[in-house]
Amino acid sequence: MALLFLIGFIAIIALPSVLWLYALADVIINEFSSLMAKFVWALFLCFFPPLGTLLYFLIGRSQRITYYPVGRVVLICILLVPVVMIISYILYSLGHLPFIMEPPPKAIQI
């Protein structure tokens, strides 16, 4: 059950977040026909992330005048985020990665 929750979390939250990061990096690195178009896409991506990401990949990428790759860092994030999440889940389920620390024992008062 927990593994299904993890897979759902990756599909619903993690991967769209990485796609949003990819789109935002693409807007920042590449040049557009006008500075205003670049500014509008950056604002649209920041204020409406799901819709902005979808529209950027459908419409905005064709408005670029340069086609620089956004870098290996974003690609590594796309590949690494699910792997890190699965490894952290396995470590947590085995008890090696506690998220809530136990308080230290109280001193005995005389």
Protein backbone atom coordinates (compact mmCIF):
# COMPACT_ATOMS: atom_id res chain seq x y z
CA MET A 1 0.00 0.00 0.00
CA ALA A 2 2.76 2.40 0.91
CA LEU A 3 4.61 1.59 -2.31
CA LEU A 4 1.50 2.52 -4.29
CA PHE A 5 1.35 5.78 -2.36
CA LEU A 6 5.00 6.46 -3.23
CA ILE A 7 4.44 5.71 -6.92
CA GLY A 8 1.37 7.95 -6.90
CA PHE A 9 3.34 10.73 -5.22
CA ILE A 10 6.04 10.48 -7.86
CA ALA A 11 3.50 10.50 -10.70
CA ILE A 12 1.34 13.32 -9.32
CA ILE A 13 3.83 15.62 -7.59
CA ALA A 14 7.49 14.83 -8.28
CA LEU A 15 7.55 14.42 -12.06
CA PRO A 16 5.33 17.46 -12.79
CA SER A 17 7.56 19.48 -10.47
CA VAL A 18 10.64 18.44 -12.39
CA LEU A 19 8.93 19.26 -15.70
CA TRP A 20 8.07 22.68 -14.26
CA LEU A 21 11.71 23.13 -13.26
CA TYR A 22 12.80 22.15 -16.77
CA ALA A 23 10.39 24.68 -18.33
CA LEU A 24 11.49 27.45 -15.97
CA ALA A 25 15.17 26.77 -16.67
CA ASP A 26 14.42 26.75 -20.39
CA VAL A 27 12.76 30.18 -20.13
CA ILE A 28 15.63 31.61 -18.10
CA ILE A 29 18.48 30.31 -20.28
CA ASN A 30 17.06 30.82 -23.78
CA GLU A 31 16.32 34.09 -25.55
CA PHE A 32 12.88 35.02 -26.84
CA SER A 33 11.79 37.43 -29.56
CA SER A 34 11.24 40.09 -26.91
CA LEU A 35 12.18 40.51 -23.29
CA MET A 36 8.49 40.93 -22.47
CA ALA A 37 7.66 37.45 -23.84
CA LYS A 38 10.37 35.93 -21.67
CA PHE A 39 9.11 37.85 -18.62
CA VAL A 40 5.49 36.83 -19.26
CA TRP A 41 6.41 33.14 -19.60
CA ALA A 42 8.47 33.26 -16.41
CA LEU A 43 5.61 34.91 -14.49
CA PHE A 44 3.05 32.53 -15.96
CA LEU A 45 5.19 29.54 -14.94
CA CYS A 46 5.61 30.91 -11.42
CA PHE A 47 1.98 31.87 -10.75
CA PHE A 48 0.20 29.02 -12.59
CA PRO A 49 2.66 26.08 -12.51
CA PRO A 50 0.55 23.21 -13.91
CA LEU A 51 -1.21 25.21 -16.61
CA GLY A 52 1.88 27.31 -17.34
CA THR A 53 4.07 24.25 -17.82
CA LEU A 54 1.59 22.62 -20.17
CA LEU A 55 1.10 25.78 -22.22
CA TYR A 56 4.82 26.49 -22.32
CA PHE A 57 5.56 23.08 -23.81
CA LEU A 58 2.70 23.45 -26.30
CA ILE A 59 3.13 27.12 -27.28
CA GLY A 60 6.10 28.81 -25.61
CA ARG A 61 8.96 26.67 -26.82
CA SER A 62 8.22 27.66 -30.41
CA GLN A 63 8.69 31.34 -29.46
CA ARG A 64 12.35 30.90 -28.53
CA ILE A 65 15.01 32.29 -30.84
CA THR A 66 17.88 30.37 -29.21
CA TYR A 67 17.86 26.69 -28.46
CA TYR A 68 20.40 26.23 -25.68
CA PRO A 69 20.13 23.02 -23.72
CA VAL A 70 18.97 23.71 -20.20
CA GLY A 71 21.81 21.74 -18.75
CA ARG A 72 22.60 18.41 -17.34
CA VAL A 73 21.52 19.44 -13.84
CA VAL A 74 17.83 19.46 -14.78
CA LEU A 75 18.17 16.17 -16.62
CA ILE A 76 19.89 14.63 -13.62
CA CYS A 77 17.03 15.89 -11.42
CA ILE A 78 14.51 14.27 -13.75
CA LEU A 79 16.28 10.94 -13.43
CA LEU A 80 17.44 11.22 -9.84
CA VAL A 81 14.35 12.45 -7.96
CA PRO A 82 12.37 9.18 -8.25
CA VAL A 83 15.44 7.10 -7.40
CA VAL A 84 16.21 9.16 -4.29
CA MET A 85 12.59 8.99 -3.19
CA ILE A 86 12.45 5.20 -3.54
CA ILE A 87 15.76 4.74 -1.70
CA SER A 88 14.64 7.04 1.11
CA TYR A 89 11.36 5.15 1.40
CA ILE A 90 13.17 1.83 1.64
CA LEU A 91 15.55 3.20 4.28
CA TYR A 92 12.62 4.69 6.21
CA SER A 93 10.62 1.46 6.10
CA LEU A 94 13.64 -0.49 7.37
CA GLY A 95 14.04 1.96 10.26
CA HIS A 96 17.37 3.39 9.15
CA LEU A 97 16.00 6.84 8.35
CA PRO A 98 13.78 8.19 11.13
CA PHE A 99 12.01 11.44 10.34
CA ILE A 100 10.76 12.09 13.86
CA MET A 101 13.53 11.97 16.40
CA GLU A 102 12.75 10.75 19.88
CA PRO A 103 13.36 13.30 22.62
CA PRO A 104 16.35 12.67 24.86
CA PRO A 105 15.55 10.97 28.16
CA LYS A 106 14.77 13.37 30.98
CA ALA A 107 17.29 13.69 33.75
CA ILE A 108 16.31 12.26 37.08
CA GLN A 109 15.58 15.05 39.54
CA ILE A 110 16.32 14.48 43.19
